């Protein structure tokens, strides 16, 4: 992993240590985020078998691919931190429907039905959104605003996923019930 530049060619030993520590911290954060994206990809890939409607299967397939794209973005940044600026900025225009926010958290079993999968997945997206949002606004992002921008963009994309899952829940579960 390449180091972030702090704008000086000659740095003191404490400054070099801070750079190494921040690079190590960033690598740890990125690795953790990659695992989150891999788990989400697996969830959506497996959940496609539980969906009955072709449109539901398509939604889950699209979400799986989006999670795979998030992983690729994170890997790109891990290998070249300067590439963060090429990944785009958040628009700030995503509505949080909050349909599942007050539903009980439950574990996902192998025999879960589509309704349970949607609730679990939307709650997972909410949790991932909150995680990325905290990384986007936290202390590390204050020192490396470009990294904050990456996590702000990822947070927004996770909120988009939550929105899509909640709309699916509304259309498939609430309207059928």
Protein backbone atom coordinates (compact mmCIF):
# COMPACT_ATOMS: atom_id res chain seq x y z
CA UNK A 1 0.00 0.00 0.00
CA UNK A 2 1.34 3.40 -0.94
CA UNK A 3 1.67 6.12 1.64
CA UNK A 4 -0.35 9.30 1.73
CA UNK A 5 1.59 12.45 1.05
CA UNK A 6 1.54 15.09 3.75
CA UNK A 7 2.94 17.79 1.51
CA UNK A 8 6.58 17.80 2.67
CA UNK A 9 9.55 16.13 1.08
CA UNK A 10 11.64 16.11 4.22
CA UNK A 11 9.86 14.85 7.29
CA UNK A 12 10.97 14.35 10.85
CA UNK A 13 11.00 10.94 12.49
CA UNK A 14 7.74 11.60 14.44
CA UNK A 15 6.07 12.73 11.21
CA UNK A 16 7.27 9.57 9.43
CA UNK A 17 5.87 7.47 12.27
CA UNK A 18 2.53 9.28 12.00
CA UNK A 19 2.43 8.60 8.27
CA UNK A 20 3.17 4.90 8.78
CA UNK A 21 0.55 4.68 11.55
CA UNK A 22 -2.09 6.44 9.46
CA UNK A 23 -1.29 4.25 6.45
CA UNK A 24 -1.60 1.15 8.64
CA UNK A 25 -4.88 2.41 10.09
CA UNK A 26 -6.25 3.15 6.64
CA UNK A 27 -5.27 -0.34 5.46
CA UNK A 28 -7.05 -1.88 8.46
CA UNK A 29 -10.17 0.20 7.81
CA UNK A 30 -10.17 -0.71 4.11
CA UNK A 31 -9.68 -4.43 4.84
CA UNK A 32 -12.60 -4.36 7.28
CA UNK A 33 -14.75 -2.54 4.74
CA UNK A 34 -13.85 -5.08 2.05
CA UNK A 35 -15.03 -7.90 4.35
CA UNK A 36 -18.34 -6.07 4.88
CA UNK A 37 -18.81 -5.76 1.11
CA UNK A 38 -17.96 -9.44 0.56
CA UNK A 39 -20.52 -10.49 3.18
CA UNK A 40 -23.18 -8.31 1.54
CA UNK A 41 -22.34 -9.76 -1.87
CA UNK A 42 -22.76 -13.28 -0.47
CA UNK A 43 -26.07 -12.35 1.15
CA UNK A 44 -27.56 -10.99 -2.07
CA UNK A 45 -26.20 -13.83 -4.18
CA UNK A 46 -27.72 -16.48 -1.91
CA UNK A 47 -30.99 -14.57 -1.42
CA UNK A 48 -31.77 -14.68 -5.15
CA UNK A 49 -32.91 -18.30 -4.70
CA UNK A 50 -35.57 -17.18 -2.18
CA UNK A 51 -37.09 -14.53 -4.42
CA UNK A 52 -40.16 -15.56 -6.42
CA UNK A 53 -40.61 -12.58 -8.73
CA UNK A 54 -38.17 -12.05 -11.60
CA UNK A 55 -37.98 -8.36 -10.63
CA UNK A 56 -36.97 -9.35 -7.09
CA UNK A 57 -34.26 -11.67 -8.38
CA UNK A 58 -33.03 -8.84 -10.63
CA UNK A 59 -32.92 -6.41 -7.69
CA UNK A 60 -30.87 -8.82 -5.59
CA UNK A 61 -28.54 -9.47 -8.51
CA UNK A 62 -28.03 -5.72 -9.02
CA UNK A 63 -27.32 -5.24 -5.31
CA UNK A 64 -24.80 -8.11 -5.35
CA UNK A 65 -23.01 -6.50 -8.28
CA UNK A 66 -23.05 -3.10 -6.55
CA UNK A 67 -21.43 -4.62 -3.46
CA UNK A 68 -18.80 -6.19 -5.72
CA UNK A 69 -18.15 -2.73 -7.22
CA UNK A 70 -17.73 -1.29 -3.71
CA UNK A 71 -15.14 -3.97 -3.00
CA UNK A 72 -13.30 -3.06 -6.20
CA UNK A 73 -13.29 0.62 -5.24
CA UNK A 74 -11.87 -0.19 -1.83
CA UNK A 75 -9.19 -2.46 -3.32
CA UNK A 76 -8.27 0.28 -5.79
CA UNK A 77 -7.81 2.76 -2.94
CA UNK A 78 -5.82 0.22 -0.92
CA UNK A 79 -3.41 -0.24 -3.82
CA UNK A 80 -3.31 3.45 -4.81
CA UNK A 81 -4.61 5.90 -2.19
CA UNK A 82 -4.38 8.77 -4.68
CA UNK A 83 -7.13 7.10 -6.74
CA UNK A 84 -9.74 8.16 -4.16
CA UNK A 85 -10.32 11.42 -5.99
CA UNK A 86 -11.45 9.49 -9.10
CA UNK A 87 -14.28 7.69 -7.31
CA UNK A 88 -16.81 10.52 -7.24
CA UNK A 89 -18.52 12.58 -4.59
CA UNK A 90 -21.77 12.04 -2.71
CA UNK A 91 -24.81 13.89 -4.01
CA UNK A 92 -26.65 14.05 -0.68
CA UNK A 93 -29.99 13.34 -2.34
CA UNK A 94 -31.00 9.95 -0.97
CA UNK A 95 -34.21 9.54 0.98
CA UNK A 96 -34.15 7.24 4.00
CA UNK A 97 -37.61 5.65 4.10
CA UNK A 98 -37.01 4.23 7.62
CA UNK A 99 -39.43 1.34 7.00
CA UNK A 100 -37.27 -1.25 8.77
CA UNK A 101 -35.62 1.06 11.29
CA UNK A 102 -37.95 0.15 14.13
CA UNK A 103 -38.41 -3.52 13.31
CA UNK A 104 -36.83 -6.08 15.58
CA UNK A 105 -33.32 -7.21 14.69
CA UNK A 106 -33.15 -10.91 13.95
CA UNK A 107 -30.52 -13.33 12.76
CA UNK A 108 -30.91 -14.73 9.28
CA UNK A 109 -31.47 -18.48 9.15
CA UNK A 110 -30.94 -20.81 6.19
CA UNK A 111 -34.71 -21.28 5.85
CA UNK A 112 -35.56 -17.56 6.00
CA UNK A 113 -38.32 -16.40 3.66
CA UNK A 114 -38.05 -13.43 1.31
CA UNK A 115 -39.64 -11.04 3.81
CA UNK A 116 -37.06 -11.93 6.47
CA UNK A 117 -34.26 -11.55 3.92
CA UNK A 118 -35.47 -8.08 2.92
CA UNK A 119 -35.69 -6.92 6.53
CA UNK A 120 -32.29 -8.36 7.41
CA UNK A 121 -30.67 -6.92 4.27
CA UNK A 122 -32.17 -3.45 4.75
CA UNK A 123 -31.03 -3.40 8.37
CA UNK A 124 -27.57 -4.52 7.28
CA UNK A 125 -27.46 -1.70 4.73
CA UNK A 126 -28.46 0.73 7.48
CA UNK A 127 -25.68 -0.54 9.70
CA UNK A 128 -23.14 -0.33 6.88
CA UNK A 129 -24.36 3.18 6.04
CA UNK A 130 -23.85 4.25 9.65
CA UNK A 131 -20.39 2.64 9.74
CA UNK A 132 -19.26 4.41 6.57
CA UNK A 133 -20.86 7.67 7.68
CA UNK A 134 -18.86 7.55 10.93
CA UNK A 135 -15.68 6.93 8.92
CA UNK A 136 -16.57 9.84 6.62
CA UNK A 137 -16.96 12.27 9.51
CA UNK A 138 -14.50 10.86 12.04
CA UNK A 139 -11.08 11.99 13.18
CA UNK A 140 -9.19 10.07 10.47
CA UNK A 141 -11.25 11.79 7.77
CA UNK A 142 -10.44 15.18 9.25
CA UNK A 143 -6.75 14.57 8.59
CA UNK A 144 -7.40 12.93 5.23
CA UNK A 145 -10.51 14.62 3.76
CA UNK A 146 -10.19 12.66 0.53
CA UNK A 147 -10.66 9.42 2.50
CA UNK A 148 -13.66 10.99 4.19
CA UNK A 149 -15.05 11.70 0.74
CA UNK A 150 -14.64 8.03 -0.23
CA UNK A 151 -16.57 6.86 2.83
CA UNK A 152 -19.22 9.56 2.37
CA UNK A 153 -19.79 8.26 -1.17
CA UNK A 154 -19.93 4.64 0.03
CA UNK A 155 -22.32 5.64 2.84
CA UNK A 156 -24.62 7.27 0.31
CA UNK A 157 -24.53 4.17 -1.91
CA UNK A 158 -25.44 1.96 1.07
CA UNK A 159 -28.38 4.24 1.84
CA UNK A 160 -29.48 3.88 -1.79
CA UNK A 161 -29.41 0.09 -1.31
CA UNK A 162 -31.48 0.41 1.88
CA UNK A 163 -33.97 2.58 0.01
CA UNK A 164 -34.27 0.03 -2.79
CA UNK A 165 -34.77 -2.83 -0.31
CA UNK A 166 -37.41 -0.89 1.60
CA UNK A 167 -39.25 -0.07 -1.63
CA UNK A 168 -39.14 -3.77 -2.52
CA UNK A 169 -40.46 -4.62 0.96
CA UNK A 170 -43.27 -2.12 0.49
CA UNK A 171 -44.16 -3.42 -2.98
CA UNK A 172 -43.84 -7.16 -2.35
CA UNK A 173 -44.53 -7.73 1.35
CA UNK A 174 -46.77 -4.90 2.52
CA UNK A 175 -48.92 -4.79 -0.60
CA UNK A 176 -49.39 -8.58 -0.64
CA UNK A 177 -50.22 -8.74 3.06
